[in-house]
């Protein structure tokens, strides 16, 4: 590892928010942008509860080609409106290099999903683009493979990479994926890059998101990225794992306390 193994910790500043080096990020929002009402309602709720950034999908990778694939350009427009309304930086997924320019117009952080972790041509292009990248670990990828994927971005001169543990496939069927909490301190040992955890996709169940978030924060993660929806029972996708907006403030306070145990501070913004 030529770039990921530097000893000096990376602290990223994203639209006035810091992540890494003791700065804990709470990234929250819906799995997918469904409507203007749902997007703005969620964005305002997570902002008021102290979220650091707003996440939402305009383009969605789905196992079935017949499932909802996202609103595309309309979804990006709604994310831009949410950004203007709340001031929160936007985290959204890029699936296809043909959408890179459109995504970069809106996104403060470009997310590369688990299924694209080893899409090396896509990684190279986002590396060249220079925007901060949140890189999710593949469903069956080792930590070394995750770091090698990060190298594709770093090697293009883009140092702004955030690693994300989101659960891996194992033999266990009691939950969607196995959250590799041990991966957090190991990655922090191997690399200078910020490490965040996605407990929503690992859990697949709302009641597990809180405990997994606390575990991630206490293990020293630099942030969590969670799904939040005003009416999860009406969500187009991932409703069962989405926190309710009405419960998010209490959740955020618990996560803030757990992060403090590990010596990290959740700061909404700095000037």
Protein backbone atom coordinates (compact mmCIF):
# COMPACT_ATOMS: atom_id res chain seq x y z
CA UNK A 1 0.00 0.00 0.00
CA UNK A 2 1.73 3.11 -1.23
CA UNK A 3 -0.71 5.83 -0.17
CA UNK A 4 -3.21 4.32 2.29
CA UNK A 5 -0.51 3.32 4.81
CA UNK A 6 0.82 6.79 5.63
CA UNK A 7 1.16 7.32 9.38
CA UNK A 8 -0.26 10.84 9.56
CA UNK A 9 -4.05 10.79 10.16
CA UNK A 10 -6.19 12.31 7.44
CA UNK A 11 -8.74 14.89 8.55
CA UNK A 12 -11.17 15.85 5.80
CA UNK A 13 -13.07 19.12 5.75
CA UNK A 14 -16.28 18.82 3.75
CA UNK A 15 -18.30 22.02 3.42
CA UNK A 16 -17.35 23.12 6.93
CA UNK A 17 -17.64 19.67 8.50
CA UNK A 18 -14.64 17.68 9.65
CA UNK A 19 -14.24 13.93 9.71
CA UNK A 20 -11.27 11.99 11.06
CA UNK A 21 -8.64 12.82 13.65
CA UNK A 22 -11.13 12.98 16.53
CA UNK A 23 -13.97 14.50 14.51
CA UNK A 24 -17.00 12.15 14.36
CA UNK A 25 -19.47 12.42 11.46
CA UNK A 26 -23.14 11.49 11.64
CA UNK A 27 -24.33 10.98 8.06
CA UNK A 28 -28.08 10.40 7.81
CA UNK A 29 -30.94 10.38 5.33
CA UNK A 30 -33.17 8.10 3.29
CA UNK A 31 -32.02 5.08 1.34
CA UNK A 32 -33.48 6.66 -1.76
CA UNK A 33 -34.93 10.01 -2.75
CA UNK A 34 -38.62 9.31 -3.31
CA UNK A 35 -40.34 12.71 -3.38
CA UNK A 36 -39.78 16.37 -2.55
CA UNK A 37 -41.82 16.09 0.65
CA UNK A 38 -40.00 13.01 1.91
CA UNK A 39 -36.55 14.40 1.05
CA UNK A 40 -36.98 17.83 2.64
CA UNK A 41 -38.80 16.49 5.69
CA UNK A 42 -36.00 14.03 6.36
CA UNK A 43 -33.23 16.55 5.67
CA UNK A 44 -34.68 19.11 8.08
CA UNK A 45 -35.22 16.46 10.78
CA UNK A 46 -31.67 15.11 10.69
CA UNK A 47 -30.22 18.63 10.52
CA UNK A 48 -32.18 19.70 13.59
CA UNK A 49 -30.98 16.58 15.45
CA UNK A 50 -27.31 17.37 14.74
CA UNK A 51 -26.45 15.35 11.66
CA UNK A 52 -23.19 16.25 9.93
CA UNK A 53 -24.19 15.36 6.36
CA UNK A 54 -27.28 14.29 4.43
CA UNK A 55 -27.28 11.03 2.50
CA UNK A 56 -29.78 10.03 -0.17
CA UNK A 57 -29.75 7.92 -3.31
CA UNK A 58 -30.69 9.27 -6.73
CA UNK A 59 -29.28 6.18 -8.47
CA UNK A 60 -29.88 2.88 -6.70
CA UNK A 61 -28.19 -0.49 -7.35
CA UNK A 62 -30.85 -3.19 -6.92
CA UNK A 63 -30.54 -6.95 -7.06
CA UNK A 64 -33.63 -7.22 -9.25
CA UNK A 65 -33.76 -5.28 -12.53
CA UNK A 66 -37.50 -4.80 -11.88
CA UNK A 67 -37.03 -2.97 -8.57
CA UNK A 68 -37.06 0.82 -8.22
CA UNK A 69 -33.75 2.15 -9.54
CA UNK A 70 -33.98 5.72 -8.24
CA UNK A 71 -35.22 9.02 -9.62
CA UNK A 72 -31.96 9.81 -11.41
CA UNK A 73 -31.66 13.45 -12.48
CA UNK A 74 -34.84 14.40 -10.60
CA UNK A 75 -33.38 12.83 -7.47
CA UNK A 76 -30.21 14.90 -7.85
CA UNK A 77 -32.35 18.04 -8.21
CA UNK A 78 -34.17 17.23 -4.97
CA UNK A 79 -30.86 16.61 -3.18
CA UNK A 80 -29.63 20.01 -4.38
CA UNK A 81 -32.80 21.60 -2.98
CA UNK A 82 -32.28 19.83 0.35
CA UNK A 83 -28.73 21.16 0.46
CA UNK A 84 -29.95 24.72 -0.12
CA UNK A 85 -32.69 24.31 2.48
CA UNK A 86 -30.57 22.82 5.27
CA UNK A 87 -26.95 23.69 4.49
CA UNK A 88 -25.99 20.03 4.94
CA UNK A 89 -23.35 18.56 2.62
CA UNK A 90 -24.68 15.83 0.33
CA UNK A 91 -23.51 12.21 0.14
CA UNK A 92 -24.92 10.31 -2.82
CA UNK A 93 -23.98 7.23 -4.81
CA UNK A 94 -22.36 7.11 -8.23
CA UNK A 95 -22.92 3.89 -10.16
CA UNK A 96 -21.95 4.79 -13.72
CA UNK A 97 -19.13 6.99 -14.94
CA UNK A 98 -21.55 8.48 -17.48
CA UNK A 99 -23.36 10.15 -14.54
CA UNK A 100 -20.17 11.51 -12.97
CA UNK A 101 -20.55 15.14 -14.03
CA UNK A 102 -24.20 15.30 -12.97
CA UNK A 103 -23.43 13.77 -9.58
CA UNK A 104 -20.46 16.07 -9.01
CA UNK A 105 -22.70 19.11 -9.50
CA UNK A 106 -24.64 18.12 -6.37
CA UNK A 107 -22.52 15.77 -4.24
CA UNK A 108 -20.04 16.95 -1.64
CA UNK A 109 -19.08 13.30 -1.14
CA UNK A 110 -19.39 10.69 -3.90
CA UNK A 111 -20.36 7.28 -2.57
CA UNK A 112 -19.07 4.15 -4.28
CA UNK A 113 -21.30 1.28 -3.22
CA UNK A 114 -20.29 -2.21 -2.17
CA UNK A 115 -21.10 -3.71 -5.54
CA UNK A 116 -18.77 -1.26 -7.28
CA UNK A 117 -15.87 -1.48 -4.83
CA UNK A 118 -13.81 -3.32 -7.42
CA UNK A 119 -15.06 -1.40 -10.46
CA UNK A 120 -11.55 -0.12 -11.07
CA UNK A 121 -12.36 2.11 -14.04
CA UNK A 122 -15.01 3.87 -11.94
CA UNK A 123 -12.57 4.23 -9.03
CA UNK A 124 -9.96 5.73 -11.35
CA UNK A 125 -12.41 8.30 -12.69
CA UNK A 126 -13.57 9.46 -9.26
CA UNK A 127 -9.93 9.64 -8.28
CA UNK A 128 -9.26 11.96 -11.19
CA UNK A 129 -12.36 14.03 -10.38
CA UNK A 130 -10.88 15.01 -7.01
CA UNK A 131 -14.11 15.06 -4.99
CA UNK A 132 -14.23 13.32 -1.59
CA UNK A 133 -15.17 9.66 -1.94
CA UNK A 134 -16.93 7.33 0.50
CA UNK A 135 -15.84 3.82 -0.48
CA UNK A 136 -17.93 0.93 0.83
CA UNK A 137 -16.46 -2.48 1.48
CA UNK A 138 -17.64 -5.19 -0.89
CA UNK A 139 -20.04 -7.86 0.33
CA UNK A 140 -17.34 -10.55 0.34
CA UNK A 141 -14.17 -8.44 0.26
CA UNK A 142 -11.25 -8.59 2.63
CA UNK A 143 -9.87 -5.51 4.32
CA UNK A 144 -6.80 -5.73 2.10
CA UNK A 145 -9.02 -5.70 -0.99
CA UNK A 146 -10.83 -2.63 0.35
CA UNK A 147 -7.53 -0.84 0.85
CA UNK A 148 -6.34 -1.83 -2.63
CA UNK A 149 -9.55 -0.37 -4.05
CA UNK A 150 -8.83 2.85 -2.16
CA UNK A 151 -5.38 2.89 -3.74
CA UNK A 152 -6.98 3.28 -7.18
CA UNK A 153 -8.49 6.58 -6.01
CA UNK A 154 -5.46 7.76 -4.06
CA UNK A 155 -3.09 6.95 -6.92
CA UNK A 156 -4.92 9.48 -9.11
CA UNK A 157 -3.98 12.26 -6.69
CA UNK A 158 -7.22 12.33 -4.71
CA UNK A 159 -6.42 12.03 -0.97
CA UNK A 160 -10.02 12.51 0.19
CA UNK A 161 -11.13 8.91 0.74
CA UNK A 162 -13.42 7.66 3.52
CA UNK A 163 -13.57 3.90 4.06
CA UNK A 164 -16.90 2.32 5.00
CA UNK A 165 -17.57 -1.00 6.72
CA UNK A 166 -21.14 -2.05 5.86
CA UNK A 167 -21.27 -5.71 6.77
CA UNK A 168 -20.06 -8.80 4.94
CA UNK A 169 -21.67 -12.06 3.89
CA UNK A 170 -21.21 -14.96 6.30
CA UNK A 171 -23.15 -18.13 7.11
CA UNK A 172 -25.33 -16.25 9.65
CA UNK A 173 -28.95 -15.65 8.62
CA UNK A 174 -30.37 -13.90 11.71
CA UNK A 175 -29.60 -10.53 10.12
CA UNK A 176 -28.81 -9.23 6.66
CA UNK A 177 -24.99 -9.07 6.91
CA UNK A 178 -22.36 -9.55 9.62
CA UNK A 179 -21.01 -6.19 10.74
CA UNK A 180 -17.24 -6.58 11.07
CA UNK A 181 -16.65 -4.35 14.08
CA UNK A 182 -13.12 -5.69 14.42
CA UNK A 183 -12.45 -4.21 11.00
CA UNK A 184 -12.70 -0.70 12.45
CA UNK A 185 -9.62 -0.81 14.74
CA UNK A 186 -7.74 -2.93 12.19
CA UNK A 187 -8.34 -0.39 9.42
CA UNK A 188 -7.37 2.42 11.79
CA UNK A 189 -4.13 0.53 12.42
CA UNK A 190 -3.41 -0.09 8.74
CA UNK A 191 -4.36 3.26 7.25
CA UNK A 192 -4.55 6.98 7.90
CA UNK A 193 -7.93 7.28 6.16
CA UNK A 194 -11.17 7.99 8.07
CA UNK A 195 -13.32 4.91 8.71
CA UNK A 196 -17.11 5.03 8.98
CA UNK A 197 -19.67 2.28 9.56
CA UNK A 198 -23.03 1.63 7.90
CA UNK A 199 -25.11 -0.24 10.52
CA UNK A 200 -28.34 0.04 8.52
CA UNK A 201 -27.31 -2.27 5.69
CA UNK A 202 -25.59 -4.68 8.05
CA UNK A 203 -28.63 -4.97 10.31
CA UNK A 204 -31.49 -4.99 7.85
CA UNK A 205 -33.69 -4.39 10.92
CA UNK A 206 -34.39 -1.06 12.61
CA UNK A 207 -34.07 -2.42 16.15
CA UNK A 208 -30.46 -3.47 15.53
CA UNK A 209 -29.25 -0.17 14.06
CA UNK A 210 -28.91 1.55 17.44
CA UNK A 211 -26.79 -1.11 19.16
CA UNK A 212 -24.57 -1.54 16.10
CA UNK A 213 -24.09 2.23 15.88
CA UNK A 214 -23.02 2.40 19.52
CA UNK A 215 -20.60 -0.47 18.99
CA UNK A 216 -19.08 1.24 15.94
CA UNK A 217 -18.69 4.57 17.72
CA UNK A 218 -17.15 2.96 20.81
CA UNK A 219 -14.76 0.95 18.60
CA UNK A 220 -13.29 4.20 17.31
CA UNK A 221 -15.08 4.71 14.00
CA UNK A 222 -14.87 8.23 12.59
CA UNK A 223 -18.59 8.25 11.85
CA UNK A 224 -21.71 6.31 10.96
CA UNK A 225 -23.96 6.52 7.91
CA UNK A 226 -27.56 5.55 8.66
CA UNK A 227 -30.89 5.46 6.87
CA UNK A 228 -33.71 7.65 8.16
CA UNK A 229 -37.25 8.04 6.85
CA UNK A 230 -40.32 9.93 8.12
CA UNK A 231 -42.61 6.98 7.37
CA UNK A 232 -40.52 3.80 6.97
CA UNK A 233 -43.58 1.63 6.43
CA UNK A 234 -44.19 3.60 3.20
CA UNK A 235 -40.57 3.58 2.01
CA UNK A 236 -39.93 2.33 -1.51
CA UNK A 237 -36.84 0.45 -0.36
CA UNK A 238 -35.14 -0.48 2.92
CA UNK A 239 -38.02 0.66 5.13
CA UNK A 240 -37.47 -2.07 7.76
CA UNK A 241 -33.93 -0.86 8.47
CA UNK A 242 -34.66 2.89 8.40
CA UNK A 243 -34.81 4.87 11.63
CA UNK A 244 -37.87 7.06 12.10
CA UNK A 245 -37.24 10.80 11.95
CA UNK A 246 -39.07 11.16 15.27
CA UNK A 247 -36.58 8.83 16.96
CA UNK A 248 -33.44 10.25 15.36
CA UNK A 249 -32.63 12.95 17.91
CA UNK A 250 -32.50 10.46 20.79
CA UNK A 251 -30.45 8.10 18.63
CA UNK A 252 -27.98 10.88 17.79
CA UNK A 253 -27.47 11.69 21.47
CA UNK A 254 -26.66 8.08 22.29
CA UNK A 255 -24.21 7.83 19.42
CA UNK A 256 -22.60 11.12 20.46
CA UNK A 257 -21.99 9.69 23.95
CA UNK A 258 -20.53 6.46 22.56
CA UNK A 259 -18.19 8.39 20.26
CA UNK A 260 -16.95 10.37 23.26
CA UNK A 261 -15.93 7.10 24.94
CA UNK A 262 -13.49 6.56 22.07
CA UNK A 263 -12.24 10.15 22.28
CA UNK A 264 -14.15 11.44 19.26
CA UNK A 265 -16.41 14.49 19.13
CA UNK A 266 -19.53 14.93 17.01
CA UNK A 267 -19.46 18.51 15.79
CA UNK A 268 -22.21 19.68 13.45
CA UNK A 269 -20.07 22.32 11.74
CA UNK A 270 -17.04 24.50 12.26
CA UNK A 271 -16.33 27.97 10.99
